[in-house]
Amino acid sequence: MQRKPVIVAGIAIAVVALAAFSEMTSKVEAKSMQSNDISGNNDRIAPINERFDSLRDFLDWQNNMHERVADFPWYEETSPGLFKLHGSRGQKPDNHEYTESELREKLGFDK
């Protein structure tokens, strides 16, 4: 009957590891999707407008990431067609409200 505590401990360790891995994956995904930096294999990460089919798809993804990763910058729709950027800690606050067309232009979805 000594196997039961070992199995329970093993399951607990697996659950903690999976939770940590999930958080790490979310942070890596967030950094990758927000960045246009050079990746480790010298390939340039495609711009946002090439990674998403539409501005709304990007905003939906960004909102989802904001819910999963603390301190993730995102655009909040303050009223229909108006958006305000909530930046990461340490970023200069952006008090400008963007129209949908301004965001399309800013993020390259009008090209």
C-alpha atoms as a PDB file:
ATOM      1  CA  MET A   1       0.000   0.000   0.000  1.00  0.00           C
ATOM      2  CA  GLN A   2       3.005   2.328  -0.150  1.00  0.00           C
ATOM      3  CA  ARG A   3       2.534   2.917  -3.900  1.00  0.00           C
ATOM      4  CA  LYS A   4      -0.513   5.133  -3.385  1.00  0.00           C
ATOM      5  CA  PRO A   5       1.396   8.110  -1.843  1.00  0.00           C
ATOM      6  CA  VAL A   6       4.063   7.807  -4.560  1.00  0.00           C
ATOM      7  CA  ILE A   7       1.435   7.846  -7.315  1.00  0.00           C
ATOM      8  CA  VAL A   8      -0.349  10.826  -5.752  1.00  0.00           C
ATOM      9  CA  ALA A   9       2.963  12.681  -5.425  1.00  0.00           C
ATOM     10  CA  GLY A  10       3.814  11.884  -9.044  1.00  0.00           C
ATOM     11  CA  ILE A  11       0.460  13.190 -10.244  1.00  0.00           C
ATOM     12  CA  ALA A  12       0.890  16.377  -8.191  1.00  0.00           C
ATOM     13  CA  ILE A  13       4.344  16.970  -9.686  1.00  0.00           C
ATOM     14  CA  ALA A  14       2.983  16.394 -13.206  1.00  0.00           C
ATOM     15  CA  VAL A  15       0.141  18.873 -12.663  1.00  0.00           C
ATOM     16  CA  VAL A  16       2.545  21.554 -11.379  1.00  0.00           C
ATOM     17  CA  ALA A  17       4.927  20.935 -14.299  1.00  0.00           C
ATOM     18  CA  LEU A  18       2.097  21.189 -16.832  1.00  0.00           C
ATOM     19  CA  ALA A  19       0.876  24.445 -15.305  1.00  0.00           C
ATOM     20  CA  ALA A  20       4.402  25.902 -15.412  1.00  0.00           C
ATOM     21  CA  PHE A  21       4.923  24.716 -18.998  1.00  0.00           C
ATOM     22  CA  SER A  22       1.608  26.256 -20.053  1.00  0.00           C
ATOM     23  CA  GLU A  23       2.606  29.625 -18.562  1.00  0.00           C
ATOM     24  CA  MET A  24       6.040  29.482 -20.245  1.00  0.00           C
ATOM     25  CA  THR A  25       4.463  28.585 -23.584  1.00  0.00           C
ATOM     26  CA  SER A  26       2.024  31.497 -23.306  1.00  0.00           C
ATOM     27  CA  LYS A  27       4.868  33.933 -22.614  1.00  0.00           C
ATOM     28  CA  VAL A  28       6.955  32.628 -25.516  1.00  0.00           C
ATOM     29  CA  GLU A  29       3.930  32.748 -27.841  1.00  0.00           C
ATOM     30  CA  ALA A  30       3.122  36.273 -26.689  1.00  0.00           C
ATOM     31  CA  LYS A  31       6.667  37.511 -27.218  1.00  0.00           C
ATOM     32  CA  SER A  32       6.869  35.870 -30.620  1.00  0.00           C
ATOM     33  CA  MET A  33       3.546  37.252 -31.850  1.00  0.00           C
ATOM     34  CA  GLN A  34       4.186  40.804 -30.578  1.00  0.00           C
ATOM     35  CA  SER A  35       7.738  41.051 -31.856  1.00  0.00           C
ATOM     36  CA  ASN A  36       9.280  41.705 -35.231  1.00  0.00           C
ATOM     37  CA  ASP A  37      12.754  40.906 -33.891  1.00  0.00           C
ATOM     38  CA  ILE A  38      15.099  38.434 -35.495  1.00  0.00           C
ATOM     39  CA  SER A  39      14.516  34.869 -34.290  1.00  0.00           C
ATOM     40  CA  GLY A  40      17.239  32.419 -33.291  1.00  0.00           C
ATOM     41  CA  ASN A  41      17.569  30.930 -36.775  1.00  0.00           C
ATOM     42  CA  ASN A  42      18.072  34.358 -38.430  1.00  0.00           C
ATOM     43  CA  ASP A  43      14.593  34.353 -40.007  1.00  0.00           C
ATOM     44  CA  ARG A  44      12.599  37.548 -39.631  1.00  0.00           C
ATOM     45  CA  ILE A  45       9.238  37.084 -37.939  1.00  0.00           C
ATOM     46  CA  ALA A  46       6.477  38.168 -40.301  1.00  0.00           C
ATOM     47  CA  PRO A  47       4.695  41.451 -39.527  1.00  0.00           C
ATOM     48  CA  ILE A  48       1.368  41.310 -37.695  1.00  0.00           C
ATOM     49  CA  ASN A  49      -0.632  41.954 -40.866  1.00  0.00           C
ATOM     50  CA  GLU A  50       0.909  38.821 -42.422  1.00  0.00           C
ATOM     51  CA  ARG A  51       0.304  36.622 -39.368  1.00  0.00           C
ATOM     52  CA  PHE A  52      -3.416  37.410 -39.032  1.00  0.00           C
ATOM     53  CA  ASP A  53      -6.186  37.440 -41.638  1.00  0.00           C
ATOM     54  CA  SER A  54      -7.724  40.656 -40.335  1.00  0.00           C
ATOM     55  CA  LEU A  55      -7.376  43.372 -37.730  1.00  0.00           C
ATOM     56  CA  ARG A  56     -10.248  41.816 -35.751  1.00  0.00           C
ATOM     57  CA  ASP A  57      -8.457  38.437 -35.706  1.00  0.00           C
ATOM     58  CA  PHE A  58      -5.358  40.151 -34.292  1.00  0.00           C
ATOM     59  CA  LEU A  59      -7.371  42.068 -31.690  1.00  0.00           C
ATOM     60  CA  ASP A  60      -9.175  38.871 -30.614  1.00  0.00           C
ATOM     61  CA  TRP A  61      -5.847  37.041 -30.259  1.00  0.00           C
ATOM     62  CA  GLN A  62      -4.321  39.968 -28.381  1.00  0.00           C
ATOM     63  CA  ASN A  63      -7.265  40.098 -25.959  1.00  0.00           C
ATOM     64  CA  ASN A  64      -6.980  36.342 -25.386  1.00  0.00           C
ATOM     65  CA  MET A  65      -3.249  36.688 -24.652  1.00  0.00           C
ATOM     66  CA  HIS A  66      -3.942  39.603 -22.301  1.00  0.00           C
ATOM     67  CA  GLU A  67      -6.227  37.286 -20.305  1.00  0.00           C
ATOM     68  CA  ARG A  68      -3.574  34.505 -20.240  1.00  0.00           C
ATOM     69  CA  VAL A  69      -0.361  36.486 -19.698  1.00  0.00           C
ATOM     70  CA  ALA A  70       0.036  39.176 -17.079  1.00  0.00           C
ATOM     71  CA  ASP A  71       1.355  42.509 -18.350  1.00  0.00           C
ATOM     72  CA  PHE A  72       0.515  41.857 -22.008  1.00  0.00           C
ATOM     73  CA  PRO A  73      -0.211  44.942 -24.144  1.00  0.00           C
ATOM     74  CA  TRP A  74      -3.634  44.993 -25.774  1.00  0.00           C
ATOM     75  CA  TYR A  75      -6.164  47.262 -27.439  1.00  0.00           C
ATOM     76  CA  GLU A  76      -9.460  47.702 -25.603  1.00  0.00           C
ATOM     77  CA  GLU A  77     -12.504  48.639 -27.666  1.00  0.00           C
ATOM     78  CA  THR A  78     -13.807  51.549 -25.586  1.00  0.00           C
ATOM     79  CA  SER A  79     -16.801  52.107 -27.854  1.00  0.00           C
ATOM     80  CA  PRO A  80     -17.751  50.693 -31.255  1.00  0.00           C
ATOM     81  CA  GLY A  81     -14.819  51.356 -33.594  1.00  0.00           C
ATOM     82  CA  LEU A  82     -12.627  53.151 -30.996  1.00  0.00           C
ATOM     83  CA  PHE A  83      -9.643  51.476 -29.338  1.00  0.00           C
ATOM     84  CA  LYS A  84      -7.246  52.391 -26.540  1.00  0.00           C
ATOM     85  CA  LEU A  85      -3.856  50.725 -26.095  1.00  0.00           C
ATOM     86  CA  HIS A  86      -3.111  49.288 -22.671  1.00  0.00           C
ATOM     87  CA  GLY A  87       0.667  48.902 -22.685  1.00  0.00           C
ATOM     88  CA  SER A  88       3.031  46.800 -20.640  1.00  0.00           C
ATOM     89  CA  ARG A  89       4.499  48.022 -17.382  1.00  0.00           C
ATOM     90  CA  GLY A  90       7.305  50.451 -18.066  1.00  0.00           C
ATOM     91  CA  GLN A  91       5.847  51.669 -21.364  1.00  0.00           C
ATOM     92  CA  LYS A  92       4.898  55.298 -21.745  1.00  0.00           C
ATOM     93  CA  PRO A  93       1.086  55.534 -21.457  1.00  0.00           C
ATOM     94  CA  ASP A  94      -0.728  56.005 -24.772  1.00  0.00           C
ATOM     95  CA  ASN A  95      -3.851  58.061 -24.113  1.00  0.00           C
ATOM     96  CA  HIS A  96      -4.819  58.297 -27.787  1.00  0.00           C
ATOM     97  CA  GLU A  97      -8.003  56.534 -28.849  1.00  0.00           C
ATOM     98  CA  TYR A  98      -7.527  54.942 -32.260  1.00  0.00           C
ATOM     99  CA  THR A  99     -10.276  54.512 -34.800  1.00  0.00           C
ATOM    100  CA  GLU A 100     -10.456  51.141 -36.518  1.00  0.00           C
ATOM    101  CA  SER A 101      -9.075  52.683 -39.719  1.00  0.00           C
ATOM    102  CA  GLU A 102      -6.137  54.234 -37.789  1.00  0.00           C
ATOM    103  CA  LEU A 103      -5.332  50.831 -36.305  1.00  0.00           C
ATOM    104  CA  ARG A 104      -5.566  49.172 -39.727  1.00  0.00           C
ATOM    105  CA  GLU A 105      -3.056  51.687 -41.058  1.00  0.00           C
ATOM    106  CA  LYS A 106      -0.799  51.546 -37.974  1.00  0.00           C
ATOM    107  CA  LEU A 107      -0.609  47.735 -38.034  1.00  0.00           C
ATOM    108  CA  GLY A 108      -0.414  47.407 -41.806  1.00  0.00           C
ATOM    109  CA  PHE A 109      -3.791  45.837 -42.537  1.00  0.00           C
ATOM    110  CA  ASP A 110      -4.547  48.410 -45.245  1.00  0.00           C
ATOM    111  CA  LYS A 111      -1.683  47.263 -47.451  1.00  0.00           C
END
